[in-house]
Amino acid sequence: MPKFTEEVLDKEPKIESIADAMRRILAQLGDDPGRQGLRHTPERFEKALRHLTSGYHQDIEKLLNGALFDVQYDEMVIVRDVELFSLCEHHLLPFFGTCHVAYLPNRKVVGLSKIPRLVNMFARRLQVQERLTSQIAHALMEHLEPRGVGVVIEARHLCMAMRGVEKQHSQTVTSAMLGEFRENARARAEFLSLIRKEKP
């Protein structure tokens, strides 16, 4: 945990666990945390929340360890339609959708399963979609050192659908283009056209 977070927590009242805090929240909402249906909800909530934020405890070096390979291939690699689920840091409500990742190899490729794992690592944190998109792209650019990286995320946000403006069918699209994907309009257009193609 970052030092600044520890300093902030030191100033807050001590809480035994997330489950204890949730028990108090349920009471504040006007329900009885001791009733049958809610009796074990605080513990289940803590377990679920720890899973949904498990990306804080993952290390990208370990995630990619042994998965970078020397391959003489210089055409575009795309992993598209990677499902993602994350929590909006403003309301702790889910946003979910698909992530499309492309890179232009520079004498190295990464094991294909590592790209969805990388997406999951950053998605399983409290996030905003814009930062999530950028983190995935920059992580691949830094560790794979390709000629370029492109990331597009299309997602729906329950903080917009369930509250506030209450628009259930709106979708947010974000992109990050690095290296040749930023500099070369043809490469960028090829990537965007390939992720728009209908599934067979």
N, C-alpha and C. Protein backbone atom coordinates (compact mmCIF):
# COMPACT_ATOMS: atom_id res chain seq x y z
N MET A 1 0.84 -1.20 0.00
CA MET A 1 0.00 0.00 0.00
C MET A 1 0.88 1.25 0.00
N PRO A 2 0.59 2.26 -0.83
CA PRO A 2 1.43 3.45 -0.89
C PRO A 2 1.50 4.16 0.46
N LYS A 3 2.62 4.82 0.71
CA LYS A 3 2.84 5.49 2.00
C LYS A 3 1.79 6.55 2.27
N PHE A 4 1.42 7.33 1.23
CA PHE A 4 0.46 8.41 1.45
C PHE A 4 -0.87 7.85 1.92
N THR A 5 -1.23 6.64 1.46
CA THR A 5 -2.48 6.02 1.88
C THR A 5 -2.40 5.61 3.35
N GLU A 6 -1.25 5.09 3.75
CA GLU A 6 -1.07 4.71 5.14
C GLU A 6 -1.19 5.93 6.06
N GLU A 7 -0.62 7.05 5.62
CA GLU A 7 -0.69 8.27 6.43
C GLU A 7 -2.12 8.75 6.57
N VAL A 8 -2.87 8.66 5.47
CA VAL A 8 -4.28 9.07 5.52
C VAL A 8 -5.05 8.15 6.46
N LEU A 9 -4.81 6.84 6.35
CA LEU A 9 -5.54 5.88 7.18
C LEU A 9 -5.21 6.05 8.67
N ASP A 10 -3.98 6.46 8.96
CA ASP A 10 -3.60 6.67 10.36
C ASP A 10 -4.45 7.75 11.03
N LYS A 11 -4.97 8.70 10.24
CA LYS A 11 -5.76 9.79 10.78
C LYS A 11 -7.24 9.42 10.91
N GLU A 12 -7.63 8.30 10.30
CA GLU A 12 -9.03 7.88 10.32
C GLU A 12 -9.28 6.97 11.52
N PRO A 13 -10.54 6.90 11.97
CA PRO A 13 -10.87 5.95 13.03
C PRO A 13 -10.56 4.52 12.58
N LYS A 14 -10.05 3.72 13.51
CA LYS A 14 -9.69 2.35 13.16
C LYS A 14 -10.95 1.52 12.95
N ILE A 15 -10.95 0.74 11.86
CA ILE A 15 -12.05 -0.15 11.54
C ILE A 15 -11.49 -1.55 11.47
N GLU A 16 -12.15 -2.49 12.13
CA GLU A 16 -11.62 -3.86 12.18
C GLU A 16 -11.54 -4.49 10.80
N SER A 17 -12.57 -4.33 10.02
CA SER A 17 -12.58 -4.98 8.71
C SER A 17 -13.58 -4.29 7.80
N ILE A 18 -13.50 -4.60 6.51
CA ILE A 18 -14.48 -4.09 5.55
C ILE A 18 -15.87 -4.63 5.92
N ALA A 19 -15.92 -5.88 6.37
CA ALA A 19 -17.21 -6.48 6.76
C ALA A 19 -17.85 -5.71 7.91
N ASP A 20 -17.04 -5.31 8.90
CA ASP A 20 -17.58 -4.53 10.01
C ASP A 20 -18.13 -3.20 9.53
N ALA A 21 -17.39 -2.55 8.62
CA ALA A 21 -17.84 -1.27 8.08
C ALA A 21 -19.14 -1.45 7.31
N MET A 22 -19.25 -2.52 6.52
CA MET A 22 -20.47 -2.76 5.76
C MET A 22 -21.65 -3.04 6.67
N ARG A 23 -21.41 -3.70 7.79
CA ARG A 23 -22.50 -3.96 8.76
C ARG A 23 -23.07 -2.63 9.26
N ARG A 24 -22.18 -1.68 9.52
CA ARG A 24 -22.64 -0.36 9.98
C ARG A 24 -23.35 0.39 8.85
N ILE A 25 -22.86 0.24 7.63
CA ILE A 25 -23.51 0.90 6.48
C ILE A 25 -24.93 0.38 6.30
N LEU A 26 -25.10 -0.94 6.40
CA LEU A 26 -26.44 -1.52 6.26
C LEU A 26 -27.39 -0.96 7.30
N ALA A 27 -26.90 -0.80 8.52
CA ALA A 27 -27.73 -0.21 9.58
C ALA A 27 -28.05 1.25 9.27
N GLN A 28 -27.05 2.00 8.76
CA GLN A 28 -27.27 3.40 8.40
C GLN A 28 -28.30 3.54 7.28
N LEU A 29 -28.37 2.54 6.40
CA LEU A 29 -29.34 2.57 5.31
C LEU A 29 -30.75 2.27 5.80
N GLY A 30 -30.88 1.81 7.04
CA GLY A 30 -32.20 1.57 7.61
C GLY A 30 -32.60 0.11 7.65
N ASP A 31 -31.67 -0.80 7.34
CA ASP A 31 -31.99 -2.22 7.38
C ASP A 31 -31.36 -2.86 8.60
N ASP A 32 -31.71 -4.10 8.83
CA ASP A 32 -31.20 -4.84 9.99
C ASP A 32 -30.12 -5.81 9.52
N PRO A 33 -28.84 -5.52 9.77
CA PRO A 33 -27.78 -6.41 9.31
C PRO A 33 -27.81 -7.78 9.97
N GLY A 34 -28.62 -7.93 11.01
CA GLY A 34 -28.70 -9.21 11.69
C GLY A 34 -29.80 -10.12 11.15
N ARG A 35 -30.62 -9.60 10.23
CA ARG A 35 -31.71 -10.45 9.72
C ARG A 35 -31.13 -11.53 8.80
N GLN A 36 -31.93 -12.57 8.58
CA GLN A 36 -31.43 -13.76 7.90
C GLN A 36 -30.77 -13.46 6.55
N GLY A 37 -31.44 -12.67 5.72
CA GLY A 37 -30.92 -12.41 4.38
C GLY A 37 -29.64 -11.60 4.35
N LEU A 38 -29.39 -10.82 5.41
CA LEU A 38 -28.20 -9.96 5.45
C LEU A 38 -27.13 -10.44 6.41
N ARG A 39 -27.39 -11.51 7.11
CA ARG A 39 -26.50 -11.91 8.20
C ARG A 39 -25.06 -12.11 7.73
N HIS A 40 -24.88 -12.71 6.56
CA HIS A 40 -23.52 -12.97 6.06
C HIS A 40 -23.14 -12.07 4.88
N THR A 41 -24.01 -11.09 4.60
CA THR A 41 -23.72 -10.17 3.48
C THR A 41 -22.43 -9.37 3.69
N PRO A 42 -22.15 -8.85 4.88
CA PRO A 42 -20.90 -8.08 5.04
C PRO A 42 -19.64 -8.88 4.68
N GLU A 43 -19.61 -10.15 5.07
CA GLU A 43 -18.44 -10.97 4.74
C GLU A 43 -18.39 -11.28 3.24
N ARG A 44 -19.56 -11.53 2.66
CA ARG A 44 -19.58 -11.78 1.21
C ARG A 44 -19.17 -10.52 0.45
N PHE A 45 -19.63 -9.36 0.94
CA PHE A 45 -19.27 -8.09 0.30
C PHE A 45 -17.76 -7.88 0.36
N GLU A 46 -17.16 -8.13 1.51
CA GLU A 46 -15.70 -7.94 1.64
C GLU A 46 -14.95 -8.87 0.69
N LYS A 47 -15.39 -10.13 0.60
CA LYS A 47 -14.72 -11.09 -0.29
C LYS A 47 -14.84 -10.63 -1.74
N ALA A 48 -16.04 -10.17 -2.13
CA ALA A 48 -16.25 -9.71 -3.51
C ALA A 48 -15.42 -8.47 -3.80
N LEU A 49 -15.39 -7.52 -2.87
CA LEU A 49 -14.66 -6.28 -3.09
C LEU A 49 -13.16 -6.53 -3.18
N ARG A 50 -12.66 -7.43 -2.37
CA ARG A 50 -11.23 -7.76 -2.44
C ARG A 50 -10.89 -8.39 -3.78
N HIS A 51 -11.79 -9.22 -4.31
CA HIS A 51 -11.56 -9.81 -5.64
C HIS A 51 -11.60 -8.72 -6.71
N LEU A 52 -12.57 -7.82 -6.63
CA LEU A 52 -12.74 -6.80 -7.66
C LEU A 52 -11.64 -5.74 -7.63
N THR A 53 -10.88 -5.69 -6.55
CA THR A 53 -9.76 -4.74 -6.46
C THR A 53 -8.42 -5.48 -6.32
N SER A 54 -8.39 -6.74 -6.72
CA SER A 54 -7.17 -7.55 -6.56
C SER A 54 -6.02 -7.07 -7.44
N GLY A 55 -6.32 -6.22 -8.43
CA GLY A 55 -5.27 -5.70 -9.30
C GLY A 55 -4.23 -4.86 -8.57
N TYR A 56 -4.60 -4.30 -7.42
CA TYR A 56 -3.62 -3.53 -6.64
C TYR A 56 -2.45 -4.40 -6.18
N HIS A 57 -2.69 -5.69 -6.04
CA HIS A 57 -1.69 -6.60 -5.47
C HIS A 57 -0.99 -7.44 -6.53
N GLN A 58 -1.21 -7.10 -7.81
CA GLN A 58 -0.54 -7.82 -8.88
C GLN A 58 0.63 -7.00 -9.41
N ASP A 59 1.64 -7.68 -9.84
CA ASP A 59 2.85 -7.04 -10.34
C ASP A 59 3.02 -7.36 -11.82
N ILE A 60 3.18 -6.34 -12.63
CA ILE A 60 3.25 -6.56 -14.08
C ILE A 60 4.48 -7.37 -14.48
N GLU A 61 5.57 -7.22 -13.74
CA GLU A 61 6.78 -8.00 -14.06
C GLU A 61 6.52 -9.49 -13.88
N LYS A 62 5.83 -9.85 -12.80
CA LYS A 62 5.52 -11.25 -12.57
C LYS A 62 4.48 -11.74 -13.57
N LEU A 63 3.54 -10.87 -13.91
CA LEU A 63 2.49 -11.26 -14.85
C LEU A 63 3.08 -11.60 -16.22
N LEU A 64 4.06 -10.83 -16.67
CA LEU A 64 4.65 -11.04 -18.00
C LEU A 64 5.87 -11.95 -17.97
N ASN A 65 6.29 -12.38 -16.79
CA ASN A 65 7.51 -13.17 -16.66
C ASN A 65 7.45 -14.43 -17.52
N GLY A 66 8.47 -14.59 -18.38
CA GLY A 66 8.55 -15.77 -19.22
C GLY A 66 7.61 -15.79 -20.40
N ALA A 67 6.91 -14.69 -20.66
CA ALA A 67 5.91 -14.67 -21.74
C ALA A 67 6.31 -13.78 -22.90
N LEU A 68 7.55 -13.29 -22.91
CA LEU A 68 8.04 -12.49 -24.02
C LEU A 68 8.95 -13.37 -24.89
N PHE A 69 8.66 -13.40 -26.19
CA PHE A 69 9.36 -14.32 -27.08
C PHE A 69 9.96 -13.59 -28.26
N ASP A 70 11.18 -13.98 -28.63
CA ASP A 70 11.84 -13.42 -29.82
C ASP A 70 11.24 -14.09 -31.06
N VAL A 71 10.53 -13.30 -31.86
CA VAL A 71 9.87 -13.81 -33.06
C VAL A 71 10.06 -12.80 -34.18
N GLN A 72 10.43 -13.28 -35.34
CA GLN A 72 10.60 -12.39 -36.50
C GLN A 72 9.23 -12.18 -37.17
N TYR A 73 8.45 -11.31 -36.56
CA TYR A 73 7.11 -11.01 -37.08
C TYR A 73 6.89 -9.52 -36.85
N ASP A 74 6.52 -8.81 -37.92
CA ASP A 74 6.40 -7.36 -37.75
C ASP A 74 5.03 -6.80 -38.16
N GLU A 75 4.05 -7.70 -38.36
CA GLU A 75 2.71 -7.23 -38.69
C GLU A 75 1.90 -7.04 -37.41
N MET A 76 0.76 -6.39 -37.55
CA MET A 76 -0.07 -6.05 -36.41
C MET A 76 -0.61 -7.29 -35.70
N VAL A 77 -0.58 -7.25 -34.38
CA VAL A 77 -1.21 -8.28 -33.54
C VAL A 77 -2.36 -7.63 -32.80
N ILE A 78 -3.55 -8.23 -32.91
CA ILE A 78 -4.74 -7.66 -32.25
C ILE A 78 -5.40 -8.73 -31.39
N VAL A 79 -5.69 -8.38 -30.16
CA VAL A 79 -6.56 -9.20 -29.31
C VAL A 79 -7.79 -8.33 -29.04
N ARG A 80 -8.90 -8.72 -29.63
CA ARG A 80 -10.08 -7.86 -29.52
C ARG A 80 -11.17 -8.53 -28.69
N ASP A 81 -12.15 -7.71 -28.30
CA ASP A 81 -13.32 -8.18 -27.54
C ASP A 81 -12.94 -8.84 -26.21
N VAL A 82 -11.94 -8.28 -25.54
CA VAL A 82 -11.59 -8.76 -24.20
C VAL A 82 -12.61 -8.17 -23.22
N GLU A 83 -13.38 -9.04 -22.58
CA GLU A 83 -14.38 -8.54 -21.63
C GLU A 83 -13.69 -7.94 -20.41
N LEU A 84 -14.23 -6.83 -19.95
CA LEU A 84 -13.68 -6.24 -18.73
C LEU A 84 -14.80 -5.76 -17.82
N PHE A 85 -14.51 -5.82 -16.53
CA PHE A 85 -15.40 -5.33 -15.49
C PHE A 85 -14.55 -4.53 -14.52
N SER A 86 -15.01 -3.35 -14.17
CA SER A 86 -14.25 -2.52 -13.23
C SER A 86 -15.23 -1.75 -12.35
N LEU A 87 -14.68 -1.04 -11.37
CA LEU A 87 -15.48 -0.21 -10.48
C LEU A 87 -15.11 1.25 -10.65
N CYS A 88 -16.11 2.06 -10.92
CA CYS A 88 -15.91 3.51 -11.03
C CYS A 88 -15.46 4.05 -9.67
N GLU A 89 -14.38 4.80 -9.67
CA GLU A 89 -13.84 5.30 -8.39
C GLU A 89 -14.70 6.41 -7.78
N HIS A 90 -15.61 6.98 -8.55
CA HIS A 90 -16.43 8.07 -8.03
C HIS A 90 -17.64 7.59 -7.23
N HIS A 91 -18.22 6.45 -7.64
CA HIS A 91 -19.44 5.96 -6.96
C HIS A 91 -19.33 4.50 -6.54
N LEU A 92 -18.21 3.84 -6.85
CA LEU A 92 -18.02 2.42 -6.58
C LEU A 92 -19.10 1.57 -7.24
N LEU A 93 -19.58 2.02 -8.39
CA LEU A 93 -20.52 1.24 -9.19
C LEU A 93 -19.78 0.67 -10.39
N PRO A 94 -20.23 -0.48 -10.90
CA PRO A 94 -19.50 -1.13 -11.99
C PRO A 94 -19.59 -0.39 -13.31
N PHE A 95 -18.54 -0.52 -14.11
CA PHE A 95 -18.64 -0.27 -15.54
C PHE A 95 -18.04 -1.48 -16.24
N PHE A 96 -18.55 -1.80 -17.41
CA PHE A 96 -18.19 -3.06 -18.05
C PHE A 96 -18.30 -2.91 -19.57
N GLY A 97 -17.55 -3.72 -20.27
CA GLY A 97 -17.57 -3.65 -21.73
C GLY A 97 -16.48 -4.50 -22.33
N THR A 98 -15.91 -4.02 -23.43
CA THR A 98 -14.88 -4.77 -24.13
C THR A 98 -13.66 -3.88 -24.38
N CYS A 99 -12.52 -4.54 -24.40
CA CYS A 99 -11.25 -3.86 -24.65
C CYS A 99 -10.60 -4.51 -25.87
N HIS A 100 -10.10 -3.67 -26.78
CA HIS A 100 -9.39 -4.13 -27.97
C HIS A 100 -7.95 -3.63 -27.87
N VAL A 101 -7.00 -4.55 -28.01
CA VAL A 101 -5.59 -4.21 -27.85
C VAL A 101 -4.83 -4.63 -29.11
N ALA A 102 -4.01 -3.73 -29.63
CA ALA A 102 -3.16 -4.05 -30.78
C ALA A 102 -1.74 -3.56 -30.52
N TYR A 103 -0.77 -4.28 -31.10
CA TYR A 103 0.60 -3.78 -31.06
C TYR A 103 1.33 -4.19 -32.32
N LEU A 104 2.36 -3.44 -32.64
CA LEU A 104 3.23 -3.71 -33.78
C LEU A 104 4.56 -4.22 -33.23
N PRO A 105 4.83 -5.52 -33.37
CA PRO A 105 6.02 -6.11 -32.73
C PRO A 105 7.33 -5.50 -33.22
N ASN A 106 8.28 -5.50 -32.32
CA ASN A 106 9.64 -5.07 -32.64
C ASN A 106 10.58 -6.19 -32.22
N ARG A 107 10.52 -7.30 -32.99
CA ARG A 107 11.32 -8.50 -32.75
C ARG A 107 10.89 -9.29 -31.51
N LYS A 108 9.79 -8.86 -30.84
CA LYS A 108 9.29 -9.60 -29.69
C LYS A 108 7.78 -9.64 -29.72
N VAL A 109 7.23 -10.78 -29.28
CA VAL A 109 5.78 -10.89 -29.09
C VAL A 109 5.54 -11.33 -27.66
N VAL A 110 4.29 -11.12 -27.20
CA VAL A 110 3.92 -11.52 -25.85
C VAL A 110 2.88 -12.64 -25.95
N GLY A 111 2.93 -13.59 -25.03
CA GLY A 111 1.93 -14.65 -24.99
C GLY A 111 0.53 -14.05 -25.00
N LEU A 112 -0.32 -14.57 -25.88
CA LEU A 112 -1.62 -13.93 -26.10
C LEU A 112 -2.48 -13.88 -24.84
N SER A 113 -2.39 -14.88 -23.98
CA SER A 113 -3.22 -14.87 -22.77
C SER A 113 -2.81 -13.77 -21.79
N LYS A 114 -1.59 -13.24 -21.98
CA LYS A 114 -1.12 -12.21 -21.05
C LYS A 114 -1.83 -10.88 -21.27
N ILE A 115 -2.33 -10.65 -22.48
CA ILE A 115 -3.01 -9.37 -22.74
C ILE A 115 -4.32 -9.27 -21.96
N PRO A 116 -5.21 -10.29 -22.01
CA PRO A 116 -6.39 -10.22 -21.13
C PRO A 116 -6.04 -10.15 -19.65
N ARG A 117 -4.96 -10.83 -19.25
CA ARG A 117 -4.55 -10.76 -17.85
C ARG A 117 -4.10 -9.35 -17.48
N LEU A 118 -3.43 -8.68 -18.40
CA LEU A 118 -3.01 -7.31 -18.17
C LEU A 118 -4.22 -6.39 -18.06
N VAL A 119 -5.20 -6.59 -18.95
CA VAL A 119 -6.44 -5.81 -18.88
C VAL A 119 -7.10 -6.01 -17.52
N ASN A 120 -7.19 -7.26 -17.07
CA ASN A 120 -7.80 -7.56 -15.78
C ASN A 120 -7.05 -6.89 -14.63
N MET A 121 -5.72 -6.92 -14.70
CA MET A 121 -4.92 -6.35 -13.61
C MET A 121 -5.26 -4.89 -13.37
N PHE A 122 -5.38 -4.11 -14.45
CA PHE A 122 -5.69 -2.69 -14.29
C PHE A 122 -7.18 -2.46 -14.06
N ALA A 123 -8.04 -3.33 -14.61
CA ALA A 123 -9.48 -3.16 -14.42
C ALA A 123 -9.88 -3.47 -12.99
N ARG A 124 -9.16 -4.37 -12.33
CA ARG A 124 -9.50 -4.74 -10.96
C ARG A 124 -8.86 -3.79 -9.96
N ARG A 125 -9.16 -2.54 -10.18
CA ARG A 125 -8.78 -1.44 -9.28
C ARG A 125 -9.91 -0.42 -9.37
N LEU A 126 -9.95 0.53 -8.46
CA LEU A 126 -10.92 1.62 -8.59
C LEU A 126 -10.43 2.48 -9.74
N GLN A 127 -11.29 2.72 -10.73
CA GLN A 127 -10.81 3.26 -11.99
C GLN A 127 -11.72 4.34 -12.56
N VAL A 128 -11.17 5.07 -13.51
CA VAL A 128 -11.94 5.80 -14.51
C VAL A 128 -11.51 5.21 -15.85
N GLN A 129 -12.42 5.17 -16.79
CA GLN A 129 -12.15 4.48 -18.05
C GLN A 129 -10.97 5.10 -18.80
N GLU A 130 -10.85 6.41 -18.73
CA GLU A 130 -9.77 7.08 -19.45
C GLU A 130 -8.40 6.63 -18.94
N ARG A 131 -8.25 6.57 -17.62
CA ARG A 131 -6.97 6.15 -17.05
C ARG A 131 -6.71 4.67 -17.33
N LEU A 132 -7.75 3.84 -17.23
CA LEU A 132 -7.60 2.42 -17.50
C LEU A 132 -7.06 2.19 -18.91
N THR A 133 -7.62 2.89 -19.88
CA THR A 133 -7.18 2.77 -21.27
C THR A 133 -5.70 3.12 -21.41
N SER A 134 -5.32 4.22 -20.80
CA SER A 134 -3.94 4.69 -20.87
C SER A 134 -2.97 3.74 -20.16
N GLN A 135 -3.37 3.21 -19.01
CA GLN A 135 -2.48 2.32 -18.26
C GLN A 135 -2.16 1.05 -19.04
N ILE A 136 -3.18 0.47 -19.68
CA ILE A 136 -2.96 -0.74 -20.47
C ILE A 136 -1.97 -0.46 -21.60
N ALA A 137 -2.19 0.64 -22.32
CA ALA A 137 -1.33 0.98 -23.45
C ALA A 137 0.11 1.25 -23.01
N HIS A 138 0.29 2.05 -21.98
CA HIS A 138 1.64 2.40 -21.55
C HIS A 138 2.38 1.20 -20.96
N ALA A 139 1.66 0.32 -20.28
CA ALA A 139 2.30 -0.88 -19.72
C ALA A 139 2.85 -1.76 -20.83
N LEU A 140 2.08 -1.97 -21.89
CA LEU A 140 2.56 -2.77 -23.02
C LEU A 140 3.72 -2.08 -23.72
N MET A 141 3.63 -0.77 -23.88
CA MET A 141 4.69 -0.01 -24.56
C MET A 141 6.00 -0.11 -23.78
N GLU A 142 5.90 -0.04 -22.47
CA GLU A 142 7.10 -0.05 -21.64
C GLU A 142 7.74 -1.43 -21.57
N HIS A 143 6.93 -2.47 -21.43
CA HIS A 143 7.49 -3.80 -21.15
C HIS A 143 7.73 -4.63 -22.39
N LEU A 144 6.97 -4.38 -23.46
CA LEU A 144 7.15 -5.15 -24.70
C LEU A 144 8.04 -4.40 -25.69
N GLU A 145 8.11 -3.09 -25.55
CA GLU A 145 8.89 -2.22 -26.43
C GLU A 145 8.55 -2.45 -27.91
N PRO A 146 7.26 -2.41 -28.26
CA PRO A 146 6.87 -2.58 -29.66
C PRO A 146 7.05 -1.27 -30.42
N ARG A 147 6.75 -1.30 -31.71
CA ARG A 147 6.80 -0.07 -32.50
C ARG A 147 5.58 0.81 -32.23
N GLY A 148 4.53 0.21 -31.72
CA GLY A 148 3.34 0.98 -31.41
C GLY A 148 2.32 0.14 -30.68
N VAL A 149 1.44 0.80 -29.93
CA VAL A 149 0.36 0.14 -29.20
C VAL A 149 -0.91 0.94 -29.39
N GLY A 150 -2.02 0.22 -29.60
CA GLY A 150 -3.33 0.85 -29.67
C GLY A 150 -4.29 0.14 -28.74
N VAL A 151 -5.06 0.89 -27.98
CA VAL A 151 -6.06 0.32 -27.06
C VAL A 151 -7.35 1.10 -27.22
N VAL A 152 -8.46 0.38 -27.38
CA VAL A 152 -9.79 0.99 -27.42
C VAL A 152 -10.67 0.25 -26.43
N ILE A 153 -11.37 1.00 -25.58
CA ILE A 153 -12.32 0.42 -24.64
C ILE A 153 -13.70 0.99 -24.92
N GLU A 154 -14.69 0.09 -25.00
CA GLU A 154 -16.09 0.47 -25.15
C GLU A 154 -16.82 -0.05 -23.91
N ALA A 155 -17.43 0.84 -23.13
CA ALA A 155 -18.00 0.40 -21.86
C ALA A 155 -19.28 1.14 -21.51
N ARG A 156 -20.08 0.47 -20.71
CA ARG A 156 -21.28 1.07 -20.13
C ARG A 156 -21.07 1.24 -18.63
N HIS A 157 -21.54 2.37 -18.13
CA HIS A 157 -21.30 2.75 -16.74
C HIS A 157 -22.61 2.77 -15.96
N LEU A 158 -22.68 1.95 -14.92
CA LEU A 158 -23.91 1.91 -14.13
C LEU A 158 -24.10 3.18 -13.30
N CYS A 159 -23.04 3.96 -13.11
CA CYS A 159 -23.23 5.24 -12.41
C CYS A 159 -24.02 6.21 -13.29
N MET A 160 -24.04 5.98 -14.59
CA MET A 160 -24.88 6.78 -15.50
C MET A 160 -26.25 6.14 -15.70
N ALA A 161 -26.30 4.81 -15.64
CA ALA A 161 -27.55 4.10 -15.94
C ALA A 161 -28.49 4.02 -14.74
N MET A 162 -27.94 3.85 -13.55
CA MET A 162 -28.76 3.61 -12.36
C MET A 162 -29.07 4.87 -11.57
N ARG A 163 -28.26 5.92 -11.77
CA ARG A 163 -28.43 7.14 -10.99
C ARG A 163 -28.10 8.33 -11.89
N GLY A 164 -28.14 9.51 -11.35
CA GLY A 164 -27.76 10.69 -12.13
C GLY A 164 -28.62 10.86 -13.36
N VAL A 165 -27.99 10.83 -14.53
CA VAL A 165 -28.70 11.08 -15.78
C VAL A 165 -29.61 9.91 -16.19
N GLU A 166 -29.34 8.71 -15.66
CA GLU A 166 -30.16 7.51 -15.88
C GLU A 166 -30.37 7.21 -17.37
N LYS A 167 -29.27 7.14 -18.09
CA LYS A 167 -29.30 6.77 -19.51
C LYS A 167 -28.76 5.34 -19.63
N GLN A 168 -29.67 4.39 -19.88
CA GLN A 168 -29.29 2.98 -19.81
C GLN A 168 -28.52 2.48 -21.03
N HIS A 169 -28.62 3.15 -22.16
CA HIS A 169 -28.02 2.60 -23.38
C HIS A 169 -26.81 3.39 -23.88
N SER A 170 -26.38 4.36 -23.12
CA SER A 170 -25.22 5.13 -23.56
C SER A 170 -23.95 4.31 -23.37
N GLN A 171 -22.99 4.55 -24.23
CA GLN A 171 -21.72 3.83 -24.21
C GLN A 171 -20.58 4.83 -24.29
N THR A 172 -19.52 4.57 -23.54
CA THR A 172 -18.35 5.44 -23.56
C THR A 172 -17.21 4.72 -24.29
N VAL A 173 -16.59 5.42 -25.22
CA VAL A 173 -15.48 4.85 -25.99
C VAL A 173 -14.24 5.70 -25.73
N THR A 174 -13.16 5.04 -25.33
CA THR A 174 -11.89 5.73 -25.11
C THR A 174 -10.79 5.02 -25.89
N SER A 175 -9.76 5.76 -26.25
CA SER A 175 -8.65 5.15 -26.99
C SER A 175 -7.33 5.73 -26.53
N ALA A 176 -6.29 4.92 -26.68
CA ALA A 176 -4.92 5.37 -26.46
C ALA A 176 -4.08 4.84 -27.60
N MET A 177 -3.41 5.73 -28.32
CA MET A 177 -2.58 5.35 -29.46
C MET A 177 -1.15 5.83 -29.19
N LEU A 178 -0.22 4.89 -29.19
CA LEU A 178 1.18 5.21 -28.90
C LEU A 178 2.06 4.76 -30.05
N GLY A 179 3.20 5.42 -30.19
CA GLY A 179 4.16 5.04 -31.23
C GLY A 179 3.57 5.17 -32.62
N GLU A 180 3.72 4.13 -33.45
CA GLU A 180 3.26 4.21 -34.83
C GLU A 180 1.75 4.35 -34.94
N PHE A 181 1.01 3.90 -33.95
CA PHE A 181 -0.44 4.07 -34.02
C PHE A 181 -0.84 5.54 -33.89
N ARG A 182 -0.01 6.32 -33.23
CA ARG A 182 -0.27 7.75 -33.13
C ARG A 182 0.27 8.49 -34.36
N GLU A 183 1.43 8.04 -34.83
CA GLU A 183 2.11 8.76 -35.89
C GLU A 183 1.67 8.36 -37.30
N ASN A 184 1.19 7.13 -37.43
CA ASN A 184 0.88 6.58 -38.75
C ASN A 184 -0.63 6.39 -38.90
N ALA A 185 -1.25 7.25 -39.69
CA ALA A 185 -2.71 7.20 -39.85
C ALA A 185 -3.16 5.89 -40.47
N ARG A 186 -2.34 5.31 -41.36
CA ARG A 186 -2.72 4.06 -42.02
C ARG A 186 -2.78 2.91 -41.01
N ALA A 187 -1.80 2.80 -40.12
CA ALA A 187 -1.80 1.75 -39.10
C ALA A 187 -2.98 1.92 -38.16
N ARG A 188 -3.23 3.17 -37.77
CA ARG A 188 -4.36 3.45 -36.88
C ARG A 188 -5.68 3.07 -37.53
N ALA A 189 -5.84 3.42 -38.82
CA ALA A 189 -7.09 3.12 -39.54
C ALA A 189 -7.27 1.61 -39.69
N GLU A 190 -6.18 0.88 -39.92
CA GLU A 190 -6.28 -0.58 -40.06
C GLU A 190 -6.76 -1.20 -38.75
N PHE A 191 -6.19 -0.76 -37.65
CA PHE A 191 -6.60 -1.26 -36.33
C PHE A 191 -8.08 -0.99 -36.09
N LEU A 192 -8.50 0.23 -36.30
CA LEU A 192 -9.89 0.60 -36.04
C LEU A 192 -10.84 -0.16 -36.95
N SER A 193 -10.45 -0.39 -38.20
CA SER A 193 -11.34 -1.12 -39.11
C SER A 193 -11.45 -2.58 -38.72
N LEU A 194 -10.37 -3.18 -38.23
CA LEU A 194 -10.38 -4.59 -37.85
C LEU A 194 -11.21 -4.84 -36.60
N ILE A 195 -11.23 -3.91 -35.67
CA ILE A 195 -12.02 -4.15 -34.45
C ILE A 195 -13.50 -3.86 -34.70
N ARG A 196 -13.81 -3.18 -35.82
CA ARG A 196 -15.21 -2.91 -36.14
C ARG A 196 -15.85 -4.02 -36.95
N LYS A 197 -15.04 -4.96 -37.47
CA LYS A 197 -15.59 -6.02 -38.31
C LYS A 197 -16.54 -6.90 -37.50
N GLU A 198 -17.62 -7.33 -38.14
CA GLU A 198 -18.60 -8.18 -37.46
C GLU A 198 -17.97 -9.54 -37.15
N LYS A 199 -18.39 -10.10 -36.02
CA LYS A 199 -17.92 -11.44 -35.66
C LYS A 199 -18.57 -12.46 -36.60
N PRO A 200 -17.85 -13.55 -36.93
CA PRO A 200 -18.43 -14.57 -37.81
C PRO A 200 -19.60 -15.27 -37.14
